[in-house]
Amino acid sequence: IEGQPTLGNPDAKVSVVEFGDYKCPSCKQWGETIYPQLKADYLDKEDVSFSYINVLFHGQESILASLASESVYEQDPESFWKFHKALYDAQPESQQHDNAWVTVEKLKEIAGETTSVDLAKFEQDLGEESTVLEKVSTDDGLVKENGVQFTPSIMINGVMLEDPFDYEKIQELIEQDL
């Protein structure tokens, strides 16, 4: 999780990692249903951390959203999680999720509302001269290295869950490592 956006103590006993894609309706659902429980039960304490790694399963829009999140994380790390949530909130209802919605304009609008990034630099990071492309490539390498097959994929201290929506299993793995 080095270099990844992380909530809580990066040296916590238990590390929870989400491999997610901003274009993925299941990731949005996980963030609205499971994540708040996880945050309330564990993340507000110092012994569990939560990190996010970009997955690029939905093509160009996934890449664009990943570049945007990495640019925000680099320029204004304090605003990362606010931007992250707003980006998922902007995702259309699931029956329209295949429609193109991740655009430079939409990303700039969200960044303008949730962060204090330099929007010119932000826009540059979404194009050919991106300074954060390497970070997106690093994430893609972690996805391949960890054999991520679907999003969201949740890993707890190196153990990949079969069902990311099984909160009892999440609790079990966290508790056993605490």
Protein backbone atom coordinates (compact mmCIF):
# COMPACT_ATOMS: atom_id res chain seq x y z
CA ILE A 1 0.00 0.00 0.00
CA GLU A 2 3.03 2.26 -0.12
CA GLY A 3 2.12 5.36 -2.14
CA GLN A 4 -1.59 4.48 -2.15
CA PRO A 5 -4.32 6.64 -0.64
CA THR A 6 -4.75 5.23 2.87
CA LEU A 7 -7.17 6.07 5.66
CA GLY A 8 -5.93 5.42 9.16
CA ASN A 9 -2.49 4.35 10.29
CA PRO A 10 -0.53 2.83 7.34
CA ASP A 11 1.32 0.68 9.91
CA ALA A 12 -1.89 -0.68 11.45
CA LYS A 13 -2.09 -4.37 12.41
CA VAL A 14 -4.78 -4.92 9.78
CA SER A 15 -4.69 -3.58 6.24
CA VAL A 16 -7.90 -3.57 4.19
CA VAL A 17 -7.39 -2.85 0.48
CA GLU A 18 -10.09 -2.19 -2.07
CA PHE A 19 -9.26 -2.81 -5.72
CA GLY A 20 -11.93 -0.65 -7.36
CA ASP A 21 -13.00 0.89 -10.66
CA TYR A 22 -14.86 4.21 -10.73
CA LYS A 23 -16.95 2.91 -13.67
CA CYS A 24 -18.07 -0.20 -11.72
CA PRO A 25 -21.64 -0.18 -10.31
CA SER A 26 -20.74 -2.89 -7.76
CA CYS A 27 -17.88 -0.71 -6.46
CA LYS A 28 -20.32 2.16 -5.98
CA GLN A 29 -22.72 -0.20 -4.17
CA TRP A 30 -19.89 -1.54 -1.94
CA GLY A 31 -18.94 2.04 -1.07
CA GLU A 32 -22.53 2.85 -0.11
CA THR A 33 -23.34 -0.34 1.84
CA ILE A 34 -20.25 -2.14 3.21
CA TYR A 35 -17.74 0.70 3.52
CA PRO A 36 -19.78 2.81 6.02
CA GLN A 37 -20.07 -0.25 8.31
CA LEU A 38 -16.34 -0.93 7.99
CA LYS A 39 -15.54 2.71 8.75
CA ALA A 40 -17.80 2.83 11.81
CA ASP A 41 -16.63 -0.52 13.20
CA TYR A 42 -12.90 -0.34 12.43
CA LEU A 43 -11.46 2.55 10.44
CA ASP A 44 -12.10 5.16 13.07
CA LYS A 45 -9.74 3.16 15.32
CA GLU A 46 -5.96 3.10 14.86
CA ASP A 47 -5.51 -0.65 14.34
CA VAL A 48 -7.11 -0.95 10.88
CA SER A 49 -6.16 0.94 7.72
CA PHE A 50 -8.01 1.19 4.40
CA SER A 51 -6.34 1.75 1.03
CA TYR A 52 -7.66 2.14 -2.51
CA ILE A 53 -6.03 0.80 -5.69
CA ASN A 54 -7.36 1.72 -9.15
CA VAL A 55 -8.53 -1.02 -11.51
CA LEU A 56 -8.82 -0.30 -15.23
CA PHE A 57 -11.38 -2.94 -16.27
CA HIS A 58 -13.78 -0.53 -18.03
CA GLY A 59 -11.35 0.93 -20.56
CA GLN A 60 -10.64 4.57 -21.33
CA GLU A 61 -13.08 6.01 -18.80
CA SER A 62 -11.52 3.91 -16.02
CA ILE A 63 -8.08 5.20 -17.03
CA LEU A 64 -9.34 8.82 -17.10
CA ALA A 65 -10.98 8.51 -13.66
CA SER A 66 -7.83 6.86 -12.28
CA LEU A 67 -5.62 9.65 -13.63
CA ALA A 68 -7.98 12.17 -12.02
CA SER A 69 -7.90 10.46 -8.63
CA GLU A 70 -4.10 10.15 -8.73
CA SER A 71 -3.79 13.84 -9.67
CA VAL A 72 -5.98 14.82 -6.72
CA TYR A 73 -4.03 12.51 -4.41
CA GLU A 74 -0.74 14.06 -5.55
CA GLN A 75 -1.87 17.70 -5.44
CA ASP A 76 -4.31 17.72 -2.50
CA PRO A 77 -4.10 14.43 -0.56
CA GLU A 78 -6.39 15.76 2.19
CA SER A 79 -9.23 16.02 -0.36
CA PHE A 80 -8.70 12.60 -1.95
CA TRP A 81 -11.49 10.74 -0.11
CA LYS A 82 -13.99 13.56 -0.67
CA PHE A 83 -13.18 13.51 -4.42
CA HIS A 84 -13.28 9.68 -4.41
CA LYS A 85 -16.79 9.62 -2.93
CA ALA A 86 -18.03 12.41 -5.22
CA LEU A 87 -16.75 10.51 -8.27
CA TYR A 88 -18.70 7.39 -7.25
CA ASP A 89 -21.74 9.57 -6.45
CA ALA A 90 -21.58 10.95 -10.02
CA GLN A 91 -21.88 7.45 -11.50
CA PRO A 92 -25.28 7.09 -13.25
CA GLU A 93 -27.85 4.52 -12.16
CA SER A 94 -26.79 0.98 -13.02
CA GLN A 95 -28.99 0.62 -16.12
CA GLN A 96 -27.05 3.51 -17.69
CA HIS A 97 -23.60 2.77 -16.30
CA ASP A 98 -22.27 1.76 -19.74
CA ASN A 99 -23.03 5.23 -21.11
CA ALA A 100 -19.99 7.49 -21.31
CA TRP A 101 -20.01 9.77 -18.27
CA VAL A 102 -16.36 10.07 -17.23
CA THR A 103 -15.26 13.13 -19.19
CA VAL A 104 -12.56 15.72 -18.63
CA GLU A 105 -15.28 18.34 -18.03
CA LYS A 106 -17.11 16.17 -15.47
CA LEU A 107 -13.87 15.37 -13.65
CA LYS A 108 -12.88 19.06 -13.55
CA GLU A 109 -16.33 19.93 -12.20
CA ILE A 110 -16.02 17.34 -9.39
CA ALA A 111 -12.44 18.36 -8.58
CA GLY A 112 -13.47 22.02 -8.51
CA GLU A 113 -16.26 21.25 -6.03
CA THR A 114 -14.33 18.91 -3.72
CA THR A 115 -10.65 19.87 -3.83
CA SER A 116 -8.26 22.80 -4.04
CA VAL A 117 -6.18 21.35 -6.89
CA ASP A 118 -4.75 23.51 -9.64
CA LEU A 119 -7.33 22.71 -12.35
CA ALA A 120 -4.89 23.47 -15.20
CA LYS A 121 -2.39 20.96 -13.76
CA PHE A 122 -5.29 18.56 -13.08
CA GLU A 123 -6.41 18.76 -16.72
CA GLN A 124 -2.82 18.26 -17.88
CA ASP A 125 -2.69 15.07 -15.79
CA LEU A 126 -5.69 13.74 -17.72
CA GLY A 127 -3.87 14.08 -21.06
CA GLU A 128 -0.78 12.93 -22.91
CA GLU A 129 1.61 14.84 -20.64
CA SER A 130 0.33 13.32 -17.41
CA THR A 131 2.71 13.29 -14.47
CA VAL A 132 0.61 10.64 -12.67
CA LEU A 133 0.42 8.04 -15.46
CA GLU A 134 3.18 6.06 -13.76
CA LYS A 135 1.03 5.78 -10.60
CA VAL A 136 -1.88 4.41 -12.62
CA SER A 137 0.55 1.91 -14.21
CA THR A 138 1.74 0.92 -10.72
CA ASP A 139 -1.88 0.24 -9.71
CA ASP A 140 -2.43 -1.81 -12.87
CA GLY A 141 0.67 -3.84 -11.99
CA LEU A 142 -0.68 -4.48 -8.47
CA VAL A 143 -3.99 -5.63 -9.97
CA LYS A 144 -2.16 -8.15 -12.16
CA GLU A 145 0.26 -9.21 -9.41
CA ASN A 146 -2.63 -9.94 -7.03
CA GLY A 147 -4.74 -11.72 -9.66
CA VAL A 148 -7.70 -9.36 -9.32
CA GLN A 149 -10.52 -10.79 -11.47
CA PHE A 150 -13.47 -8.58 -10.53
CA THR A 151 -14.32 -5.29 -8.86
CA PRO A 152 -14.57 -4.56 -6.11
CA SER A 153 -11.97 -6.97 -4.80
CA ILE A 154 -11.23 -6.69 -1.10
CA MET A 155 -7.99 -7.92 0.44
CA ILE A 156 -7.43 -8.13 4.19
CA ASN A 157 -3.80 -8.63 5.27
CA GLY A 158 -3.06 -10.36 1.98
CA VAL A 159 -6.19 -12.57 1.93
CA MET A 160 -8.51 -11.91 -1.03
CA LEU A 161 -12.21 -12.28 -0.20
CA GLU A 162 -14.35 -14.46 -2.44
CA ASP A 163 -17.36 -12.22 -1.75
CA PRO A 164 -16.59 -8.55 -1.03
CA PHE A 165 -20.18 -8.06 0.19
CA ASP A 166 -19.84 -10.70 2.97
CA TYR A 167 -19.43 -8.34 5.91
CA GLU A 168 -19.33 -11.20 8.42
CA LYS A 169 -16.28 -12.63 6.64
CA ILE A 170 -14.65 -9.17 6.59
CA GLN A 171 -15.20 -8.89 10.35
CA GLU A 172 -13.92 -12.43 10.92
CA LEU A 173 -10.66 -11.77 9.05
CA ILE A 174 -10.12 -8.43 10.78
CA GLU A 175 -10.87 -9.83 14.24
CA GLN A 176 -8.58 -12.83 13.82
CA ASP A 177 -5.67 -10.50 12.88
CA LEU A 178 -6.39 -8.07 15.72
